[in-house]
Amino acid sequence: MNRVVHPIEVESYRRMRARLDTSHFPPLTRAVVERVVHSAADLDYARDLVLDEADLEKAHAALHAGAPVVVDVEMVGAGITRRETVCRLRDAESGPGLTRSAHAIRLAYEQVGPGALWVIGNAPTALEELLTLDADPALVIGLPVGFVGAVESKAALRESGLPAVSNVSEKGGSAVAAAALNALLYHPTSAEEKL
């Protein structure tokens, strides 16, 4: 099913591309970079994001084959269109040495098991907890925002060797994390391109 793109979005992308050349990026990388830049109106994301086309290709295939999508907060889930998400934050509790966000990640992993796409846009502790699990993710979109723990948790994600989309700076948040996942959802599969 093709997505109907509103004329405002078309014009917004035209203006963005007039200011930012993304033509050198491979297809899925370009899709993610452009959607993240568009969601934040922040051209610096083109230099701040860290991602790999091969990882994105595998994640795109897994996503379109029905792999579960787990989010750290409901705001990320609200931004993801065309797909149900798993968020266990309402069920989670904090305790000594464990934030509510980290507990929610544990609960989500118990529910979905390995092979999911994880989209973290809010809590660095959620990303840190995910890295302690044997989640074998299809992809981790690790874009938590903040001045405490965000940079460090994203660096740990990159060092883990897991397939990932992250960024170097403190920037991030629910909107950009959802945008990165939406880029993969919106990008056509091989079968759709043949139609």
N, C-alpha and C. Protein backbone atom coordinates (compact mmCIF):
# COMPACT_ATOMS: atom_id res chain seq x y z
N MET A 1 0.85 -1.18 0.00
CA MET A 1 0.00 0.00 0.00
C MET A 1 0.90 1.24 0.00
N ASN A 2 0.72 2.08 -0.99
CA ASN A 2 1.52 3.29 -1.08
C ASN A 2 0.99 4.36 -0.13
N ARG A 3 1.92 5.08 0.44
CA ARG A 3 1.57 6.16 1.37
C ARG A 3 1.26 7.41 0.57
N VAL A 4 0.17 8.08 0.93
CA VAL A 4 -0.18 9.35 0.30
C VAL A 4 0.60 10.45 1.01
N VAL A 5 1.39 11.18 0.24
CA VAL A 5 2.24 12.22 0.79
C VAL A 5 1.56 13.58 0.60
N HIS A 6 1.40 14.30 1.69
CA HIS A 6 0.74 15.61 1.65
C HIS A 6 1.63 16.61 0.92
N PRO A 7 1.03 17.55 0.17
CA PRO A 7 1.83 18.57 -0.54
C PRO A 7 2.77 19.37 0.36
N ILE A 8 2.40 19.59 1.63
CA ILE A 8 3.29 20.32 2.53
C ILE A 8 4.58 19.53 2.76
N GLU A 9 4.44 18.21 2.91
CA GLU A 9 5.63 17.37 3.09
C GLU A 9 6.49 17.39 1.84
N VAL A 10 5.87 17.33 0.69
CA VAL A 10 6.62 17.39 -0.57
C VAL A 10 7.42 18.69 -0.65
N GLU A 11 6.78 19.79 -0.33
CA GLU A 11 7.47 21.09 -0.38
C GLU A 11 8.56 21.17 0.70
N SER A 12 8.29 20.62 1.86
CA SER A 12 9.29 20.62 2.92
C SER A 12 10.53 19.85 2.51
N TYR A 13 10.34 18.69 1.90
CA TYR A 13 11.49 17.91 1.42
C TYR A 13 12.23 18.66 0.30
N ARG A 14 11.50 19.33 -0.56
CA ARG A 14 12.15 20.10 -1.63
C ARG A 14 13.05 21.18 -1.03
N ARG A 15 12.54 21.88 -0.05
CA ARG A 15 13.33 22.94 0.59
C ARG A 15 14.53 22.36 1.34
N MET A 16 14.32 21.26 2.02
CA MET A 16 15.41 20.62 2.74
C MET A 16 16.52 20.21 1.77
N ARG A 17 16.14 19.58 0.66
CA ARG A 17 17.13 19.11 -0.32
C ARG A 17 17.83 20.27 -1.02
N ALA A 18 17.20 21.42 -1.06
CA ALA A 18 17.86 22.60 -1.63
C ALA A 18 18.99 23.08 -0.71
N ARG A 19 18.90 22.75 0.57
CA ARG A 19 19.90 23.18 1.55
C ARG A 19 20.85 22.06 1.97
N LEU A 20 20.50 20.81 1.65
CA LEU A 20 21.28 19.67 2.11
C LEU A 20 21.36 18.64 1.00
N ASP A 21 22.57 18.36 0.52
CA ASP A 21 22.77 17.36 -0.52
C ASP A 21 22.90 15.98 0.12
N THR A 22 21.92 15.14 -0.10
CA THR A 22 21.96 13.78 0.44
C THR A 22 22.13 12.75 -0.68
N SER A 23 22.39 13.21 -1.88
CA SER A 23 22.44 12.32 -3.04
C SER A 23 23.57 11.30 -2.96
N HIS A 24 24.60 11.56 -2.17
CA HIS A 24 25.73 10.64 -2.06
C HIS A 24 25.47 9.47 -1.12
N PHE A 25 24.39 9.54 -0.35
CA PHE A 25 24.06 8.45 0.57
C PHE A 25 23.41 7.29 -0.17
N PRO A 26 23.66 6.04 0.26
CA PRO A 26 22.90 4.92 -0.30
C PRO A 26 21.43 5.04 0.07
N PRO A 27 20.54 4.30 -0.60
CA PRO A 27 19.09 4.55 -0.49
C PRO A 27 18.50 4.56 0.92
N LEU A 28 18.73 3.54 1.72
CA LEU A 28 18.11 3.51 3.05
C LEU A 28 18.76 4.51 4.00
N THR A 29 20.06 4.68 3.88
CA THR A 29 20.73 5.71 4.69
C THR A 29 20.16 7.07 4.36
N ARG A 30 19.99 7.34 3.07
CA ARG A 30 19.42 8.63 2.65
C ARG A 30 18.02 8.79 3.22
N ALA A 31 17.21 7.74 3.15
CA ALA A 31 15.84 7.81 3.65
C ALA A 31 15.82 8.14 5.15
N VAL A 32 16.68 7.49 5.92
CA VAL A 32 16.71 7.73 7.37
C VAL A 32 17.23 9.13 7.66
N VAL A 33 18.34 9.51 7.04
CA VAL A 33 18.90 10.84 7.28
C VAL A 33 17.87 11.92 6.94
N GLU A 34 17.26 11.82 5.79
CA GLU A 34 16.30 12.85 5.38
C GLU A 34 15.10 12.91 6.31
N ARG A 35 14.57 11.76 6.72
CA ARG A 35 13.38 11.79 7.57
C ARG A 35 13.73 12.34 8.95
N VAL A 36 14.90 12.00 9.49
CA VAL A 36 15.32 12.54 10.78
C VAL A 36 15.53 14.05 10.68
N VAL A 37 16.25 14.49 9.65
CA VAL A 37 16.47 15.93 9.45
C VAL A 37 15.13 16.64 9.32
N HIS A 38 14.24 16.07 8.53
CA HIS A 38 12.92 16.67 8.32
C HIS A 38 12.13 16.75 9.62
N SER A 39 12.19 15.71 10.45
CA SER A 39 11.39 15.69 11.68
C SER A 39 11.84 16.74 12.68
N ALA A 40 13.13 17.08 12.65
CA ALA A 40 13.67 18.03 13.62
C ALA A 40 13.98 19.39 13.01
N ALA A 41 13.87 19.51 11.69
CA ALA A 41 14.29 20.73 10.97
C ALA A 41 15.72 21.10 11.40
N ASP A 42 16.56 20.07 11.48
CA ASP A 42 17.93 20.25 11.95
C ASP A 42 18.89 19.57 10.97
N LEU A 43 19.51 20.38 10.13
CA LEU A 43 20.40 19.87 9.10
C LEU A 43 21.65 19.19 9.68
N ASP A 44 22.02 19.53 10.89
CA ASP A 44 23.21 18.94 11.51
C ASP A 44 23.10 17.43 11.71
N TYR A 45 21.89 16.90 11.74
CA TYR A 45 21.74 15.45 11.88
C TYR A 45 22.43 14.71 10.73
N ALA A 46 22.56 15.31 9.58
CA ALA A 46 23.21 14.64 8.45
C ALA A 46 24.66 14.29 8.77
N ARG A 47 25.29 15.07 9.65
CA ARG A 47 26.67 14.80 10.06
C ARG A 47 26.74 14.08 11.40
N ASP A 48 25.68 14.13 12.18
CA ASP A 48 25.66 13.59 13.54
C ASP A 48 25.25 12.12 13.60
N LEU A 49 24.46 11.68 12.65
CA LEU A 49 23.96 10.30 12.67
C LEU A 49 25.07 9.32 12.31
N VAL A 50 25.00 8.14 12.92
CA VAL A 50 25.91 7.04 12.63
C VAL A 50 25.04 5.84 12.26
N LEU A 51 25.19 5.36 11.02
CA LEU A 51 24.38 4.25 10.55
C LEU A 51 25.10 3.54 9.41
N ASP A 52 24.66 2.33 9.11
CA ASP A 52 25.30 1.48 8.11
C ASP A 52 24.24 0.93 7.17
N GLU A 53 24.48 1.06 5.89
CA GLU A 53 23.48 0.63 4.90
C GLU A 53 23.17 -0.86 5.00
N ALA A 54 24.18 -1.69 5.21
CA ALA A 54 23.93 -3.14 5.31
C ALA A 54 23.03 -3.46 6.51
N ASP A 55 23.26 -2.79 7.63
CA ASP A 55 22.39 -2.97 8.79
C ASP A 55 20.97 -2.55 8.48
N LEU A 56 20.84 -1.43 7.78
CA LEU A 56 19.51 -0.92 7.43
C LEU A 56 18.79 -1.86 6.47
N GLU A 57 19.52 -2.46 5.54
CA GLU A 57 18.90 -3.40 4.59
C GLU A 57 18.32 -4.60 5.33
N LYS A 58 19.09 -5.15 6.27
CA LYS A 58 18.60 -6.30 7.04
C LYS A 58 17.41 -5.91 7.91
N ALA A 59 17.50 -4.74 8.53
CA ALA A 59 16.40 -4.27 9.37
C ALA A 59 15.14 -4.00 8.55
N HIS A 60 15.31 -3.42 7.37
CA HIS A 60 14.18 -3.15 6.48
C HIS A 60 13.47 -4.45 6.14
N ALA A 61 14.25 -5.48 5.81
CA ALA A 61 13.66 -6.78 5.48
C ALA A 61 12.93 -7.37 6.68
N ALA A 62 13.56 -7.30 7.86
CA ALA A 62 12.93 -7.84 9.07
C ALA A 62 11.64 -7.09 9.41
N LEU A 63 11.68 -5.78 9.30
CA LEU A 63 10.51 -4.95 9.60
C LEU A 63 9.35 -5.31 8.69
N HIS A 64 9.64 -5.42 7.39
CA HIS A 64 8.57 -5.72 6.43
C HIS A 64 8.14 -7.18 6.46
N ALA A 65 8.93 -8.02 7.13
CA ALA A 65 8.54 -9.42 7.33
C ALA A 65 7.75 -9.60 8.63
N GLY A 66 7.56 -8.48 9.37
CA GLY A 66 6.71 -8.53 10.55
C GLY A 66 7.42 -8.58 11.89
N ALA A 67 8.72 -8.32 11.92
CA ALA A 67 9.44 -8.30 13.21
C ALA A 67 8.79 -7.29 14.14
N PRO A 68 8.71 -7.61 15.43
CA PRO A 68 8.11 -6.67 16.37
C PRO A 68 8.93 -5.39 16.50
N VAL A 69 8.23 -4.31 16.85
CA VAL A 69 8.86 -3.02 17.10
C VAL A 69 8.62 -2.66 18.55
N VAL A 70 9.71 -2.46 19.30
CA VAL A 70 9.62 -2.11 20.71
C VAL A 70 10.07 -0.67 20.88
N VAL A 71 9.34 0.10 21.67
CA VAL A 71 9.69 1.50 21.93
C VAL A 71 9.87 1.71 23.43
N ASP A 72 10.69 2.70 23.77
CA ASP A 72 10.93 2.93 25.20
C ASP A 72 9.83 3.75 25.86
N VAL A 73 9.17 4.61 25.11
CA VAL A 73 8.08 5.43 25.67
C VAL A 73 6.93 5.51 24.66
N GLU A 74 5.74 5.78 25.16
CA GLU A 74 4.57 5.82 24.29
C GLU A 74 4.66 6.94 23.25
N MET A 75 5.38 8.01 23.56
CA MET A 75 5.53 9.10 22.59
C MET A 75 6.25 8.61 21.33
N VAL A 76 7.24 7.76 21.48
CA VAL A 76 7.89 7.18 20.30
C VAL A 76 6.89 6.34 19.52
N GLY A 77 6.15 5.52 20.23
CA GLY A 77 5.14 4.68 19.58
C GLY A 77 4.09 5.50 18.86
N ALA A 78 3.69 6.63 19.45
CA ALA A 78 2.68 7.49 18.82
C ALA A 78 3.18 8.06 17.51
N GLY A 79 4.50 8.24 17.40
CA GLY A 79 5.06 8.80 16.17
C GLY A 79 5.28 7.79 15.07
N ILE A 80 5.20 6.52 15.39
CA ILE A 80 5.40 5.47 14.39
C ILE A 80 4.06 5.14 13.75
N THR A 81 3.99 5.35 12.47
CA THR A 81 2.75 5.12 11.75
C THR A 81 2.79 3.78 11.04
N ARG A 82 1.65 3.25 10.74
CA ARG A 82 1.51 2.01 9.99
C ARG A 82 2.00 0.78 10.72
N ARG A 83 2.20 0.88 12.02
CA ARG A 83 2.72 -0.29 12.71
C ARG A 83 2.39 -0.24 14.19
N GLU A 84 1.97 -1.37 14.73
CA GLU A 84 1.79 -1.49 16.17
C GLU A 84 3.15 -1.60 16.84
N THR A 85 3.24 -1.08 18.05
CA THR A 85 4.49 -1.15 18.79
C THR A 85 4.25 -1.74 20.17
N VAL A 86 5.33 -2.20 20.78
CA VAL A 86 5.28 -2.72 22.15
C VAL A 86 5.96 -1.69 23.05
N CYS A 87 5.25 -1.26 24.08
CA CYS A 87 5.81 -0.36 25.09
C CYS A 87 5.32 -0.86 26.44
N ARG A 88 6.26 -1.21 27.32
CA ARG A 88 5.88 -1.77 28.61
C ARG A 88 6.11 -0.81 29.76
N LEU A 89 6.27 0.47 29.46
CA LEU A 89 6.57 1.45 30.50
C LEU A 89 5.48 1.53 31.56
N ARG A 90 4.22 1.40 31.16
CA ARG A 90 3.12 1.48 32.14
C ARG A 90 3.15 0.34 33.14
N ASP A 91 3.74 -0.79 32.74
CA ASP A 91 3.81 -1.96 33.61
C ASP A 91 5.07 -1.98 34.48
N ALA A 92 6.00 -1.09 34.18
CA ALA A 92 7.31 -1.15 34.81
C ALA A 92 7.35 -0.43 36.15
N GLU A 93 8.30 -0.82 36.97
CA GLU A 93 8.52 -0.19 38.27
C GLU A 93 10.01 0.09 38.44
N SER A 94 10.31 1.12 39.18
CA SER A 94 11.72 1.38 39.49
C SER A 94 12.06 0.70 40.80
N GLY A 95 13.36 0.49 40.97
CA GLY A 95 13.83 -0.13 42.21
C GLY A 95 15.29 0.21 42.39
N PRO A 96 15.91 -0.30 43.41
CA PRO A 96 17.33 -0.01 43.63
C PRO A 96 18.18 -0.40 42.42
N GLY A 97 18.87 0.58 41.85
CA GLY A 97 19.73 0.31 40.70
C GLY A 97 19.01 0.05 39.40
N LEU A 98 17.71 0.28 39.35
CA LEU A 98 16.94 -0.01 38.14
C LEU A 98 15.90 1.09 37.93
N THR A 99 16.00 1.80 36.82
CA THR A 99 14.99 2.81 36.51
C THR A 99 13.75 2.13 35.94
N ARG A 100 12.68 2.85 35.94
CA ARG A 100 11.44 2.35 35.36
C ARG A 100 11.63 2.05 33.87
N SER A 101 12.36 2.92 33.17
CA SER A 101 12.62 2.71 31.74
C SER A 101 13.40 1.43 31.49
N ALA A 102 14.39 1.17 32.33
CA ALA A 102 15.18 -0.06 32.18
C ALA A 102 14.31 -1.29 32.45
N HIS A 103 13.47 -1.22 33.47
CA HIS A 103 12.58 -2.34 33.77
C HIS A 103 11.62 -2.59 32.61
N ALA A 104 11.14 -1.52 31.99
CA ALA A 104 10.24 -1.67 30.84
C ALA A 104 10.92 -2.41 29.69
N ILE A 105 12.20 -2.16 29.50
CA ILE A 105 12.94 -2.86 28.45
C ILE A 105 13.03 -4.34 28.78
N ARG A 106 13.28 -4.68 30.02
CA ARG A 106 13.31 -6.09 30.43
C ARG A 106 11.96 -6.76 30.15
N LEU A 107 10.89 -6.07 30.54
CA LEU A 107 9.55 -6.63 30.33
C LEU A 107 9.25 -6.82 28.84
N ALA A 108 9.66 -5.84 28.04
CA ALA A 108 9.43 -5.94 26.59
C ALA A 108 10.21 -7.10 26.00
N TYR A 109 11.45 -7.28 26.44
CA TYR A 109 12.24 -8.39 25.93
C TYR A 109 11.60 -9.73 26.30
N GLU A 110 11.10 -9.84 27.52
CA GLU A 110 10.41 -11.07 27.92
C GLU A 110 9.21 -11.34 27.01
N GLN A 111 8.57 -10.27 26.54
CA GLN A 111 7.40 -10.42 25.68
C GLN A 111 7.76 -10.77 24.24
N VAL A 112 8.76 -10.08 23.65
CA VAL A 112 9.02 -10.24 22.21
C VAL A 112 10.19 -11.15 21.88
N GLY A 113 11.12 -11.35 22.80
CA GLY A 113 12.28 -12.19 22.53
C GLY A 113 13.22 -11.57 21.51
N PRO A 114 14.10 -12.38 20.92
CA PRO A 114 15.10 -11.86 19.99
C PRO A 114 14.50 -11.48 18.64
N GLY A 115 15.25 -10.66 17.90
CA GLY A 115 14.90 -10.33 16.52
C GLY A 115 14.04 -9.11 16.33
N ALA A 116 13.73 -8.37 17.37
CA ALA A 116 12.88 -7.18 17.25
C ALA A 116 13.68 -5.97 16.79
N LEU A 117 12.96 -4.95 16.40
CA LEU A 117 13.54 -3.63 16.18
C LEU A 117 13.23 -2.81 17.43
N TRP A 118 14.27 -2.21 18.03
CA TRP A 118 14.14 -1.46 19.27
C TRP A 118 14.33 0.01 18.95
N VAL A 119 13.39 0.84 19.38
CA VAL A 119 13.43 2.27 19.06
C VAL A 119 13.42 3.04 20.38
N ILE A 120 14.57 3.61 20.71
CA ILE A 120 14.75 4.29 22.00
C ILE A 120 15.05 5.75 21.73
N GLY A 121 14.12 6.62 22.13
CA GLY A 121 14.26 8.04 21.87
C GLY A 121 14.22 8.90 23.10
N ASN A 122 14.08 8.29 24.25
CA ASN A 122 13.91 9.09 25.46
C ASN A 122 14.95 8.78 26.54
N ALA A 123 15.03 7.54 26.95
CA ALA A 123 15.76 7.20 28.17
C ALA A 123 17.10 6.51 27.90
N PRO A 124 18.21 7.16 28.23
CA PRO A 124 19.51 6.48 28.12
C PRO A 124 19.55 5.18 28.91
N THR A 125 18.86 5.12 30.06
CA THR A 125 18.89 3.89 30.86
C THR A 125 18.18 2.75 30.15
N ALA A 126 17.21 3.06 29.29
CA ALA A 126 16.55 2.02 28.49
C ALA A 126 17.56 1.41 27.52
N LEU A 127 18.33 2.27 26.87
CA LEU A 127 19.35 1.79 25.94
C LEU A 127 20.42 1.00 26.67
N GLU A 128 20.85 1.50 27.81
CA GLU A 128 21.86 0.78 28.60
C GLU A 128 21.36 -0.61 28.99
N GLU A 129 20.09 -0.70 29.39
CA GLU A 129 19.53 -2.00 29.77
C GLU A 129 19.45 -2.94 28.58
N LEU A 130 19.05 -2.44 27.45
CA LEU A 130 18.97 -3.28 26.25
C LEU A 130 20.34 -3.91 25.95
N LEU A 131 21.39 -3.16 26.16
CA LEU A 131 22.73 -3.66 25.87
C LEU A 131 23.17 -4.77 26.82
N THR A 132 22.47 -4.95 27.94
CA THR A 132 22.80 -6.04 28.86
C THR A 132 22.06 -7.32 28.52
N LEU A 133 21.08 -7.24 27.64
CA LEU A 133 20.26 -8.40 27.29
C LEU A 133 20.80 -9.11 26.05
N ASP A 134 20.44 -10.33 25.89
CA ASP A 134 20.82 -11.09 24.69
C ASP A 134 19.68 -10.96 23.68
N ALA A 135 19.42 -9.71 23.28
CA ALA A 135 18.23 -9.42 22.48
C ALA A 135 18.37 -9.77 21.01
N ASP A 136 19.60 -9.94 20.51
CA ASP A 136 19.83 -10.23 19.10
C ASP A 136 18.89 -9.40 18.21
N PRO A 137 18.98 -8.07 18.32
CA PRO A 137 18.01 -7.21 17.62
C PRO A 137 18.22 -7.18 16.11
N ALA A 138 17.13 -6.98 15.37
CA ALA A 138 17.24 -6.70 13.94
C ALA A 138 17.87 -5.32 13.74
N LEU A 139 17.56 -4.40 14.67
CA LEU A 139 18.13 -3.06 14.64
C LEU A 139 17.83 -2.38 15.97
N VAL A 140 18.76 -1.56 16.42
CA VAL A 140 18.51 -0.68 17.57
C VAL A 140 18.61 0.75 17.07
N ILE A 141 17.51 1.46 17.14
CA ILE A 141 17.53 2.90 16.88
C ILE A 141 17.70 3.53 18.24
N GLY A 142 18.93 3.92 18.52
CA GLY A 142 19.26 4.46 19.84
C GLY A 142 19.53 5.94 19.75
N LEU A 143 18.49 6.72 19.97
CA LEU A 143 18.56 8.18 19.88
C LEU A 143 18.00 8.85 21.13
N PRO A 144 18.39 8.37 22.33
CA PRO A 144 17.92 9.07 23.52
C PRO A 144 18.52 10.47 23.59
N VAL A 145 17.80 11.34 24.24
CA VAL A 145 18.18 12.75 24.31
C VAL A 145 18.58 13.10 25.74
N GLY A 146 19.51 14.05 25.88
CA GLY A 146 19.78 14.55 27.21
C GLY A 146 21.24 14.81 27.49
N PHE A 147 21.47 15.47 28.62
CA PHE A 147 22.82 15.82 29.03
C PHE A 147 23.42 14.79 30.00
N VAL A 148 22.59 13.86 30.50
CA VAL A 148 23.08 12.85 31.42
C VAL A 148 22.88 11.48 30.80
N GLY A 149 23.96 10.87 30.40
CA GLY A 149 23.92 9.49 29.92
C GLY A 149 23.61 9.28 28.46
N ALA A 150 23.10 10.27 27.77
CA ALA A 150 22.70 10.05 26.37
C ALA A 150 23.91 9.78 25.49
N VAL A 151 24.91 10.64 25.54
CA VAL A 151 26.10 10.45 24.70
C VAL A 151 26.77 9.12 25.03
N GLU A 152 26.90 8.84 26.32
CA GLU A 152 27.58 7.62 26.75
C GLU A 152 26.82 6.36 26.32
N SER A 153 25.50 6.37 26.45
CA SER A 153 24.73 5.18 26.08
C SER A 153 24.79 4.95 24.57
N LYS A 154 24.81 6.02 23.79
CA LYS A 154 24.90 5.86 22.33
C LYS A 154 26.29 5.40 21.92
N ALA A 155 27.32 5.87 22.61
CA ALA A 155 28.68 5.38 22.34
C ALA A 155 28.77 3.88 22.66
N ALA A 156 28.16 3.47 23.78
CA ALA A 156 28.16 2.05 24.15
C ALA A 156 27.43 1.22 23.10
N LEU A 157 26.35 1.74 22.56
CA LEU A 157 25.63 1.04 21.50
C LEU A 157 26.54 0.84 20.29
N ARG A 158 27.22 1.89 19.87
CA ARG A 158 28.12 1.75 18.71
C ARG A 158 29.25 0.76 18.99
N GLU A 159 29.77 0.78 20.21
CA GLU A 159 30.86 -0.13 20.58
C GLU A 159 30.39 -1.58 20.69
N SER A 160 29.09 -1.79 20.89
CA SER A 160 28.55 -3.14 21.06
C SER A 160 28.61 -3.97 19.79
N GLY A 161 28.67 -3.31 18.64
CA GLY A 161 28.65 -4.03 17.37
C GLY A 161 27.27 -4.43 16.91
N LEU A 162 26.23 -4.08 17.67
CA LEU A 162 24.86 -4.39 17.26
C LEU A 162 24.48 -3.53 16.06
N PRO A 163 23.60 -4.01 15.20
CA PRO A 163 23.11 -3.17 14.11
C PRO A 163 22.35 -1.99 14.68
N ALA A 164 22.74 -0.79 14.28
CA ALA A 164 22.21 0.37 14.99
C ALA A 164 22.13 1.62 14.14
N VAL A 165 21.25 2.51 14.57
CA VAL A 165 21.21 3.91 14.16
C VAL A 165 21.41 4.69 15.45
N SER A 166 22.41 5.55 15.48
CA SER A 166 22.63 6.38 16.65
C SER A 166 23.14 7.73 16.19
N ASN A 167 23.50 8.56 17.13
CA ASN A 167 24.15 9.83 16.81
C ASN A 167 25.16 10.14 17.89
N VAL A 168 26.05 11.06 17.60
CA VAL A 168 27.18 11.34 18.46
C VAL A 168 26.84 12.34 19.56
N SER A 169 25.97 13.28 19.29
CA SER A 169 25.70 14.38 20.23
C SER A 169 24.63 14.02 21.26
N GLU A 170 24.33 15.01 22.11
CA GLU A 170 23.27 14.87 23.11
C GLU A 170 21.88 14.88 22.48
N LYS A 171 21.80 15.35 21.24
CA LYS A 171 20.49 15.46 20.58
C LYS A 171 19.85 14.09 20.40
N GLY A 172 18.56 14.12 20.23
CA GLY A 172 17.78 12.91 19.99
C GLY A 172 16.35 13.20 20.35
N GLY A 173 15.64 12.21 20.79
CA GLY A 173 14.27 12.40 21.23
C GLY A 173 13.28 11.52 20.50
N SER A 174 12.06 11.56 21.00
CA SER A 174 11.00 10.70 20.49
C SER A 174 10.73 10.93 19.01
N ALA A 175 10.67 12.19 18.60
CA ALA A 175 10.33 12.49 17.21
C ALA A 175 11.36 11.96 16.24
N VAL A 176 12.64 12.14 16.54
CA VAL A 176 13.67 11.68 15.60
C VAL A 176 13.80 10.16 15.63
N ALA A 177 13.62 9.55 16.78
CA ALA A 177 13.67 8.09 16.84
C ALA A 177 12.53 7.48 16.02
N ALA A 178 11.33 8.01 16.19
CA ALA A 178 10.19 7.54 15.39
C ALA A 178 10.42 7.80 13.90
N ALA A 179 11.00 8.93 13.58
CA ALA A 179 11.26 9.27 12.17
C ALA A 179 12.21 8.26 11.54
N ALA A 180 13.23 7.85 12.28
CA ALA A 180 14.17 6.87 11.73
C ALA A 180 13.48 5.55 11.41
N LEU A 181 12.59 5.11 12.29
CA LEU A 181 11.85 3.87 12.03
C LEU A 181 10.87 4.07 10.88
N ASN A 182 10.18 5.20 10.86
CA ASN A 182 9.24 5.48 9.78
C ASN A 182 9.93 5.48 8.42
N ALA A 183 11.16 5.95 8.36
CA ALA A 183 11.90 5.94 7.09
C ALA A 183 11.99 4.53 6.54
N LEU A 184 12.24 3.57 7.42
CA LEU A 184 12.31 2.18 6.98
C LEU A 184 10.93 1.63 6.62
N LEU A 185 9.91 2.06 7.36
CA LEU A 185 8.54 1.63 7.03
C LEU A 185 8.09 2.16 5.68
N TYR A 186 8.41 3.42 5.42
CA TYR A 186 7.94 4.06 4.19
C TYR A 186 8.73 3.63 2.96
N HIS A 187 9.97 3.22 3.15
CA HIS A 187 10.81 2.85 2.00
C HIS A 187 10.24 1.57 1.38
N PRO A 188 10.02 1.58 0.08
CA PRO A 188 9.36 0.41 -0.55
C PRO A 188 10.24 -0.84 -0.49
N THR A 189 9.58 -1.98 -0.46
CA THR A 189 10.27 -3.26 -0.58
C THR A 189 10.50 -3.52 -2.06
N SER A 190 11.29 -4.53 -2.38
CA SER A 190 11.55 -4.88 -3.78
C SER A 190 10.25 -5.19 -4.51
N ALA A 191 9.34 -5.89 -3.84
CA ALA A 191 8.06 -6.25 -4.45
C ALA A 191 7.24 -5.00 -4.76
N GLU A 192 7.24 -4.03 -3.83
CA GLU A 192 6.49 -2.80 -4.04
C GLU A 192 7.07 -1.96 -5.16
N GLU A 193 8.40 -1.98 -5.30
CA GLU A 193 9.05 -1.20 -6.35
C GLU A 193 8.68 -1.73 -7.74
N LYS A 194 8.38 -3.05 -7.82
CA LYS A 194 8.04 -3.66 -9.11
C LYS A 194 6.61 -3.36 -9.55
N LEU A 195 5.77 -2.92 -8.60
CA LEU A 195 4.36 -2.63 -8.93
C LEU A 195 4.23 -1.40 -9.79
